[in-house]
Amino acid sequence: SHYDPVVYVQLKHTYGLDQPFFVQYFHFLTGLFRLDFGLSFEYQNRPVWDILKDGVPISAELGFWALVLQVLIGIPIGIISALKANSWIDTTNMGIVLVMYSLPVFVFAVFFQVLVVAIDNGTGAQWPVANWGNAWHYSWSDIQFKIGPIVILALSLVAYLARITRTSMLEVLRQDYVRTARAKGMRERIVIYRHALRNALIPVVTILGLSLGLIVTGTFFLEEFFNIPGIGETTLQATQYRDYPVIQATAVLLAVAVVIGNLISDILYTLVDPRIKAS
């Protein structure tokens, strides 16, 4: 293909590509602290942060509520299955969990849209199946947009958390201190929730930190599927158009989110396990 050499030189200068590599890298690092990720190739030389800043609250909201719902559903399922181990309740729970664990997030999304369409046809309701609404606002119209993607992302992660909780709880229930507490005549509720559960949550906290990576991956699929204007959809569009500054900025933001999540996970250790003291 033909190109204008003058335009070529101007573009290299605009994006700093005419500078030595170490100078480009230094500018990139200093720009991170100012949230200056350079100019977008695709969006008419707009600053990258101006493109991403509107999507960050949306993706953060989706991931946050999915994580909360994952905890509220997954941990109780794991506890109940451990307390009713080898019963029909345990078998049913683990069977459902196995099916959920086997299905990727976009399959849940397809099922959800089919269900919504069927309900709308049967009742005449108009439940939205795309878009997001206003970030961190919870009017009824906003909730209608948000509840589907949040539930779908949470359900895709519940299975893993439930299995880990069940395994950890079963291991703790076999420990000597649990048998000793029961032998002393403590009420079963105190034995379970004060002694067993707290120790069983240690590996669960670790999994919650690691699940942030899965949440990020899930948001990418869901934002594209439901046309949610978050970081995931912006990144996929940037990948399609080879908008490298946007891709770099997104990678940095997601890495920071995962690091912060693991830091929070480490802090939670001090609350779950009193033997671990904050240094």
Foldseek 3Di string as FASTA:
>chain_A
DDDDVVVVVVVCVQQVVVDDPVVNVVVCVVCVVVVFLFFWPPPPRDTLCVLAVQQALVLVQLLVLLLVVLCVQQLVLLLVLLVVPPDVSVVVSLVVLVVLQPDDLVVLLVVVVVVVVVVCVVPVDDQASAEAPDRPDDDPNNCSRRVSSSVSLNSSNSSVLSVLLNVLLNVQCPDPVLVVCVVVPDDPVCSRPVPRNLRSCLVSLVVSLVCLVVSVVSCLVVCVVRVYSHLSVVLVVCVVVVGVSNVVSSVVVSVVVSVVSVVVSVVVCCVSDVVDDDD
